């Protein structure tokens, strides 16, 4: 059994488009070997690396951050559960912060966001006299902390 997979096989098994696989390879996130015909061939452990990339993107890591994390993994074997645990354990705070931000955004959908419009009755209570304008432009209560009082 050949341990190398074609780009089509990797795409089908990972659910990631071939174009994305080539992009990840250009960015140094994946490596492949070239067959005599010049076609890419990937070792089977690449499937776990791709799953890691997809997961890491879903939680908000940049490709640069993902590359730095992947560099900590062994290049010659499939990462173990312990390898993944060591990396992903650092992301708990980031996920918690994202959940808190989404909760804050959900809760603020029907309230004043500090945009300066003063069109909602609630804005008169949350932002009387448009005091949020002193914090800067835009929806200040979404992009910054609420002022005290």
Protein backbone atom coordinates (compact mmCIF):
# COMPACT_ATOMS: atom_id res chain seq x y z
CA UNK A 1 0.00 0.00 0.00
CA UNK A 2 1.39 3.36 -1.03
CA UNK A 3 1.76 5.75 1.90
CA UNK A 4 1.64 8.77 -0.38
CA UNK A 5 -1.67 10.32 -1.41
CA UNK A 6 -2.46 12.40 -4.46
CA UNK A 7 -3.76 15.91 -4.01
CA UNK A 8 -7.19 14.69 -5.15
CA UNK A 9 -7.22 11.96 -2.51
CA UNK A 10 -6.15 14.39 0.18
CA UNK A 11 -8.81 16.85 -0.93
CA UNK A 12 -11.56 14.20 -0.83
CA UNK A 13 -10.48 12.79 2.54
CA UNK A 14 -9.91 16.16 4.22
CA UNK A 15 -12.82 18.07 2.71
CA UNK A 16 -10.41 20.86 1.74
CA UNK A 17 -10.21 22.06 -1.87
CA UNK A 18 -7.08 21.25 -3.86
CA UNK A 19 -6.50 24.95 -4.37
CA UNK A 20 -6.46 25.45 -0.59
CA UNK A 21 -3.99 22.59 -0.20
CA UNK A 22 -1.67 24.23 -2.72
CA UNK A 23 -2.09 27.55 -0.88
CA UNK A 24 -1.25 25.92 2.47
CA UNK A 25 1.81 24.39 0.87
CA UNK A 26 2.91 27.76 -0.55
CA UNK A 27 2.56 29.20 2.98
CA UNK A 28 4.72 26.39 4.40
CA UNK A 29 1.92 24.74 6.38
CA UNK A 30 2.11 21.49 4.39
CA UNK A 31 4.80 19.69 2.45
CA UNK A 32 4.55 17.28 -0.42
CA UNK A 33 6.85 15.20 -2.53
CA UNK A 34 6.85 15.38 -6.29
CA UNK A 35 6.32 12.28 -8.39
CA UNK A 36 8.33 11.80 -11.56
CA UNK A 37 5.49 13.49 -13.42
CA UNK A 38 5.72 16.52 -11.12
CA UNK A 39 2.41 15.76 -9.38
CA UNK A 40 2.17 16.36 -5.64
CA UNK A 41 2.15 13.38 -3.32
CA UNK A 42 1.38 13.82 0.37
CA UNK A 43 2.24 11.52 3.26
CA UNK A 44 -0.82 10.23 5.16
CA UNK A 45 -0.05 12.26 8.33
CA UNK A 46 -0.86 15.38 6.30
CA UNK A 47 -4.55 14.62 6.89
CA UNK A 48 -4.14 15.35 10.61
CA UNK A 49 -2.20 18.51 9.88
CA UNK A 50 -5.01 19.69 7.59
CA UNK A 51 -7.61 18.91 10.26
CA UNK A 52 -5.52 20.95 12.68
CA UNK A 53 -5.34 23.88 10.22
CA UNK A 54 -9.11 23.85 9.69
CA UNK A 55 -9.78 23.66 13.43
CA UNK A 56 -7.27 26.38 14.25
CA UNK A 57 -8.80 28.69 11.64
CA UNK A 58 -12.26 28.09 13.12
CA UNK A 59 -11.10 29.28 16.52
CA UNK A 60 -9.54 32.37 15.00
CA UNK A 61 -5.83 31.64 14.62
CA UNK A 62 -4.11 33.37 11.73
CA UNK A 63 -2.15 31.36 9.18
CA UNK A 64 1.04 32.74 10.71
CA UNK A 65 0.00 31.50 14.16
CA UNK A 66 -0.98 28.15 12.69
CA UNK A 67 2.41 27.86 11.02
CA UNK A 68 4.17 28.59 14.29
CA UNK A 69 2.12 25.91 16.06
CA UNK A 70 2.67 23.35 13.29
CA UNK A 71 6.42 23.99 13.51
CA UNK A 72 6.26 22.56 17.03
CA UNK A 73 4.96 19.22 15.74
CA UNK A 74 7.09 16.35 14.48
CA UNK A 75 7.42 16.54 10.68
CA UNK A 76 8.06 12.83 10.17
CA UNK A 77 5.06 11.25 11.90
CA UNK A 78 1.41 11.81 12.64
CA UNK A 79 0.97 13.98 15.72
CA UNK A 80 -0.19 12.09 18.78
CA UNK A 81 -3.03 13.01 21.10
CA UNK A 82 -0.40 14.32 23.51
CA UNK A 83 1.09 16.55 20.78
CA UNK A 84 -2.35 18.02 20.04
CA UNK A 85 -3.18 18.42 23.70
CA UNK A 86 0.02 20.35 24.34
CA UNK A 87 -0.79 22.80 21.53
CA UNK A 88 -4.53 23.17 21.98
CA UNK A 89 -4.37 23.58 25.74
CA UNK A 90 -3.09 27.12 25.17
CA UNK A 91 -6.20 28.10 23.25
CA UNK A 92 -8.76 27.75 26.01
CA UNK A 93 -8.41 31.39 27.06
CA UNK A 94 -8.72 32.54 23.46
CA UNK A 95 -11.90 30.52 22.95
CA UNK A 96 -13.35 31.78 26.24
CA UNK A 97 -12.61 35.38 25.21
CA UNK A 98 -14.31 34.81 21.86
CA UNK A 99 -17.38 33.30 23.54
CA UNK A 100 -17.57 36.26 25.92
CA UNK A 101 -17.32 38.69 23.00
CA UNK A 102 -20.08 36.88 21.10
CA UNK A 103 -22.26 36.89 24.22
CA UNK A 104 -21.67 40.64 24.58
CA UNK A 105 -22.51 41.22 20.92
CA UNK A 106 -25.69 39.12 21.17
CA UNK A 107 -26.81 40.91 24.32
CA UNK A 108 -26.16 44.32 22.75
CA UNK A 109 -28.08 43.75 19.52
CA UNK A 110 -31.12 45.60 20.79
CA UNK A 111 -29.31 48.16 22.92
CA UNK A 112 -27.27 51.26 22.32
CA UNK A 113 -23.94 50.46 20.69
CA UNK A 114 -22.51 53.95 21.11
CA UNK A 115 -22.72 54.91 17.45
CA UNK A 116 -23.98 58.43 18.06
CA UNK A 117 -27.36 58.10 16.38
CA UNK A 118 -29.36 58.39 19.61
CA UNK A 119 -32.36 56.97 17.77
CA UNK A 120 -33.22 54.18 20.20
CA UNK A 121 -34.97 55.10 23.41
CA UNK A 122 -32.48 52.86 25.19
CA UNK A 123 -29.62 55.02 23.89
CA UNK A 124 -30.85 57.92 25.98
CA UNK A 125 -30.28 55.75 29.05
CA UNK A 126 -27.03 54.12 27.95
CA UNK A 127 -25.44 57.02 26.11
CA UNK A 128 -27.09 60.30 27.20
CA UNK A 129 -25.86 63.30 25.26
CA UNK A 130 -23.79 60.93 23.08
CA UNK A 131 -20.99 60.66 25.66
CA UNK A 132 -19.61 57.68 23.69
CA UNK A 133 -18.36 60.08 20.98
CA UNK A 134 -15.48 61.02 23.26
CA UNK A 135 -14.24 57.43 23.08
CA UNK A 136 -13.70 57.63 19.31
CA UNK A 137 -15.61 56.88 16.10
CA UNK A 138 -17.82 53.91 15.37
CA UNK A 139 -19.88 51.65 17.61
CA UNK A 140 -17.81 52.33 20.73
CA UNK A 141 -19.73 50.00 23.01
CA UNK A 142 -18.93 47.09 20.73
CA UNK A 143 -15.30 47.89 20.02
CA UNK A 144 -14.38 49.30 23.46
CA UNK A 145 -15.41 48.93 27.07
CA UNK A 146 -18.46 50.79 28.27
CA UNK A 147 -17.63 53.94 30.21
CA UNK A 148 -18.29 53.88 33.94
CA UNK A 149 -21.52 55.50 35.15
